[in-house]
Amino acid sequence: MLAREGEAYRDGLVALAHRLGVAGSVRFDGRYRDARSLAELVRAADVVLLPYDSRDQVTSGVLIEAVAAHKPIVATRFPHAVELLGGGTGLLVPHEDPAAIAAALRAIVTDDALQHSLTDAVAARAPELLWPAVARRYRRLAAELVARTATGPSRSAAARLTGQTTGATVDDPAMATR
């Protein structure tokens, strides 16, 4: 955004906040955040809002940080959000619908039961997104694919992936370091 529009976009948002009378409640932070400071910012939030304009946003580091921090999340319906939040882990709202965004945020901050429900759901989902769990799923998938197509010399590759040559199993932590 900065490369395309410079400071005009942020300046427009600051002006809009003043016109709406909410400037005292909004802070615009133009700093680039490294992974650590982004995680700290997300952990400090009560709710994480991801109002992406793009309907094609395939991934979001902020979304992953919010899930890892067990935060209630409101997001527009971009593919990554639909995948992670579609099962009740967060609230999905239509693109370009400020009223729906406001209603979702208001619901979370005023309804303790909803806030706790979303926090519990995201906390239950978070462990399956951590790298060791993802790596185990990829290892299993690779072993299944190799085993399906294994003929001749490829059998040794399937055996290595499934641990047959060492007696180890796919879930063996030692296999994850190889």
Protein backbone atom coordinates (compact mmCIF):
# COMPACT_ATOMS: atom_id res chain seq x y z
CA MET A 1 0.00 0.00 0.00
CA LEU A 2 2.76 2.44 0.96
CA ALA A 3 4.63 1.81 -2.30
CA ARG A 4 1.48 2.31 -4.37
CA GLU A 5 -0.13 5.29 -2.61
CA GLY A 6 2.53 6.73 -0.33
CA GLU A 7 1.14 8.40 2.77
CA ALA A 8 -2.09 9.45 1.02
CA TYR A 9 -3.96 6.35 2.23
CA ARG A 10 -2.93 6.81 5.87
CA ASP A 11 -3.58 10.57 5.68
CA GLY A 12 -7.08 9.82 4.39
CA LEU A 13 -7.72 7.43 7.28
CA VAL A 14 -6.50 10.00 9.81
CA ALA A 15 -8.81 12.62 8.28
CA LEU A 16 -11.71 10.16 8.34
CA ALA A 17 -11.09 9.38 12.03
CA HIS A 18 -11.24 13.12 12.78
CA ARG A 19 -14.44 13.60 10.76
CA LEU A 20 -16.09 10.70 12.59
CA GLY A 21 -14.99 11.99 15.99
CA VAL A 22 -13.01 8.87 16.87
CA ALA A 23 -9.47 10.24 16.43
CA GLY A 24 -8.86 10.07 20.18
CA SER A 25 -9.65 6.35 20.15
CA VAL A 26 -7.59 5.40 17.10
CA ARG A 27 -3.83 5.20 16.80
CA PHE A 28 -2.11 4.90 13.43
CA ASP A 29 1.24 3.14 13.63
CA GLY A 30 3.23 3.32 10.43
CA ARG A 31 6.16 1.24 11.67
CA TYR A 32 7.10 -2.01 9.99
CA ARG A 33 6.78 -4.80 12.54
CA ASP A 34 9.20 -7.71 12.67
CA ALA A 35 7.81 -11.09 13.73
CA ARG A 36 8.49 -10.57 17.45
CA SER A 37 6.97 -7.11 17.71
CA LEU A 38 3.99 -8.19 15.59
CA ALA A 39 3.37 -11.13 17.94
CA GLU A 40 3.58 -8.78 20.95
CA LEU A 41 1.09 -6.38 19.37
CA VAL A 42 -1.36 -9.20 18.60
CA ARG A 43 -1.03 -10.65 22.13
CA ALA A 44 -1.89 -7.21 23.56
CA ALA A 45 -5.14 -6.99 21.55
CA ASP A 46 -8.56 -7.86 22.92
CA VAL A 47 -9.84 -8.71 19.43
CA VAL A 48 -7.99 -9.02 16.11
CA LEU A 49 -9.68 -7.52 13.06
CA LEU A 50 -8.55 -8.49 9.55
CA PRO A 51 -10.63 -6.38 7.12
CA TYR A 52 -8.69 -7.35 3.99
CA ASP A 53 -9.97 -5.88 0.75
CA SER A 54 -8.59 -8.75 -1.30
CA ARG A 55 -10.79 -11.75 -1.86
CA ASP A 56 -7.70 -13.66 -3.00
CA GLN A 57 -5.47 -13.24 0.09
CA VAL A 58 -4.01 -16.73 0.33
CA THR A 59 -2.23 -16.32 3.65
CA SER A 60 -2.00 -13.94 6.57
CA GLY A 61 0.78 -13.83 9.12
CA VAL A 62 -1.38 -11.71 11.40
CA LEU A 63 -4.13 -14.34 11.26
CA ILE A 64 -1.69 -17.05 12.29
CA GLU A 65 -0.36 -14.84 15.11
CA ALA A 66 -3.92 -14.21 16.32
CA VAL A 67 -4.70 -17.94 16.32
CA ALA A 68 -1.43 -18.70 18.13
CA ALA A 69 -2.28 -16.02 20.73
CA HIS A 70 -5.81 -17.48 21.19
CA LYS A 71 -7.48 -14.17 20.34
CA PRO A 72 -11.04 -13.69 19.13
CA ILE A 73 -10.83 -12.86 15.41
CA VAL A 74 -13.08 -11.00 12.98
CA ALA A 75 -12.05 -11.25 9.33
CA THR A 76 -13.40 -10.63 5.89
CA ARG A 77 -13.95 -13.76 3.82
CA PHE A 78 -10.51 -14.22 2.25
CA PRO A 79 -9.46 -17.85 1.60
CA HIS A 80 -7.07 -18.22 4.54
CA ALA A 81 -9.63 -16.79 6.98
CA VAL A 82 -12.41 -19.01 5.64
CA GLU A 83 -10.15 -22.05 6.06
CA LEU A 84 -9.08 -21.24 9.63
CA LEU A 85 -12.17 -19.52 11.00
CA GLY A 86 -15.01 -21.18 9.11
CA GLY A 87 -15.71 -23.77 11.77
CA GLY A 88 -16.57 -21.27 14.49
CA THR A 89 -12.99 -20.35 15.39
CA GLY A 90 -13.71 -16.72 14.50
CA LEU A 91 -16.30 -14.47 12.91
CA LEU A 92 -16.32 -14.03 9.14
CA VAL A 93 -17.87 -10.92 7.60
CA PRO A 94 -18.49 -9.85 4.01
CA HIS A 95 -15.97 -7.65 2.22
CA GLU A 96 -16.70 -3.93 2.12
CA ASP A 97 -19.39 -4.17 4.80
CA PRO A 98 -18.50 -1.81 7.66
CA ALA A 99 -21.83 -2.46 9.40
CA ALA A 100 -21.12 -6.20 9.55
CA ILE A 101 -17.58 -5.55 10.83
CA ALA A 102 -18.93 -3.21 13.52
CA ALA A 103 -21.64 -5.69 14.53
CA ALA A 104 -19.11 -8.54 14.82
CA LEU A 105 -16.70 -6.45 16.91
CA ARG A 106 -19.55 -5.16 19.09
CA ALA A 107 -20.79 -8.71 19.65
CA ILE A 108 -17.37 -9.89 20.82
CA VAL A 109 -16.69 -6.99 23.18
CA THR A 110 -20.19 -7.00 24.70
CA ASP A 111 -20.95 -10.72 24.90
CA ASP A 112 -18.62 -12.51 27.34
CA ALA A 113 -20.01 -15.92 26.38
CA LEU A 114 -19.24 -15.31 22.70
CA GLN A 115 -15.78 -13.99 23.50
CA HIS A 116 -14.99 -17.06 25.64
CA SER A 117 -16.45 -19.41 23.04
CA LEU A 118 -14.26 -17.93 20.29
CA THR A 119 -11.19 -17.94 22.55
CA ASP A 120 -11.77 -21.60 23.47
CA ALA A 121 -12.34 -22.59 19.83
CA VAL A 122 -9.20 -20.86 18.58
CA ALA A 123 -7.16 -22.33 21.46
CA ALA A 124 -8.32 -25.81 20.46
CA ARG A 125 -7.37 -25.16 16.81
CA ALA A 126 -3.95 -23.60 17.44
CA PRO A 127 -1.92 -26.76 18.20
CA GLU A 128 -2.69 -28.31 14.81
CA LEU A 129 -1.17 -25.24 13.13
CA LEU A 130 2.20 -25.45 14.89
CA TRP A 131 5.12 -26.58 12.75
CA PRO A 132 5.66 -29.99 14.42
CA ALA A 133 2.02 -30.94 13.71
CA VAL A 134 2.19 -29.61 10.15
CA ALA A 135 5.48 -31.47 9.57
CA ARG A 136 3.93 -34.74 10.79
CA ARG A 137 1.03 -34.33 8.36
CA TYR A 138 3.37 -33.59 5.45
CA ARG A 139 5.56 -36.58 6.35
CA ARG A 140 2.51 -38.87 6.44
CA LEU A 141 1.25 -37.50 3.13
CA ALA A 142 4.64 -37.94 1.50
CA ALA A 143 4.90 -41.51 2.80
CA GLU A 144 1.41 -42.33 1.48
CA LEU A 145 2.17 -40.86 -1.94
CA VAL A 146 5.50 -42.64 -2.23
CA ALA A 147 4.00 -45.91 -1.03
CA ARG A 148 1.22 -45.68 -3.65
CA THR A 149 3.64 -45.24 -6.49
CA ALA A 150 6.53 -47.32 -5.14
CA THR A 151 8.01 -49.74 -7.66
CA GLY A 152 11.59 -50.90 -7.97
CA PRO A 153 14.15 -48.43 -6.59
CA SER A 154 11.41 -46.12 -5.23
CA ARG A 155 10.52 -48.71 -2.58
CA SER A 156 13.57 -47.68 -0.59
CA ALA A 157 12.31 -44.07 -0.56
CA ALA A 158 8.93 -45.24 0.77
CA ALA A 159 10.68 -47.34 3.39
CA ARG A 160 12.78 -44.36 4.52
CA LEU A 161 9.70 -42.13 4.82
CA THR A 162 7.70 -44.69 6.73
CA GLY A 163 10.63 -45.68 8.93
CA GLN A 164 10.70 -49.30 7.77
CA THR A 165 14.48 -49.37 7.32
CA THR A 166 15.22 -48.21 10.89
CA GLY A 167 12.25 -49.57 12.78
CA ALA A 168 11.17 -45.97 13.48
CA THR A 169 7.65 -44.77 12.84
CA VAL A 170 6.43 -41.65 11.06
CA ASP A 171 5.43 -40.14 14.41
CA ASP A 172 8.90 -40.77 15.87
CA PRO A 173 10.39 -37.35 16.83
CA ALA A 174 13.79 -38.55 15.65
CA MET A 175 12.41 -38.89 12.11
CA ALA A 176 11.37 -35.24 12.11
CA THR A 177 15.01 -34.14 12.37
CA ARG A 178 16.22 -36.16 9.37
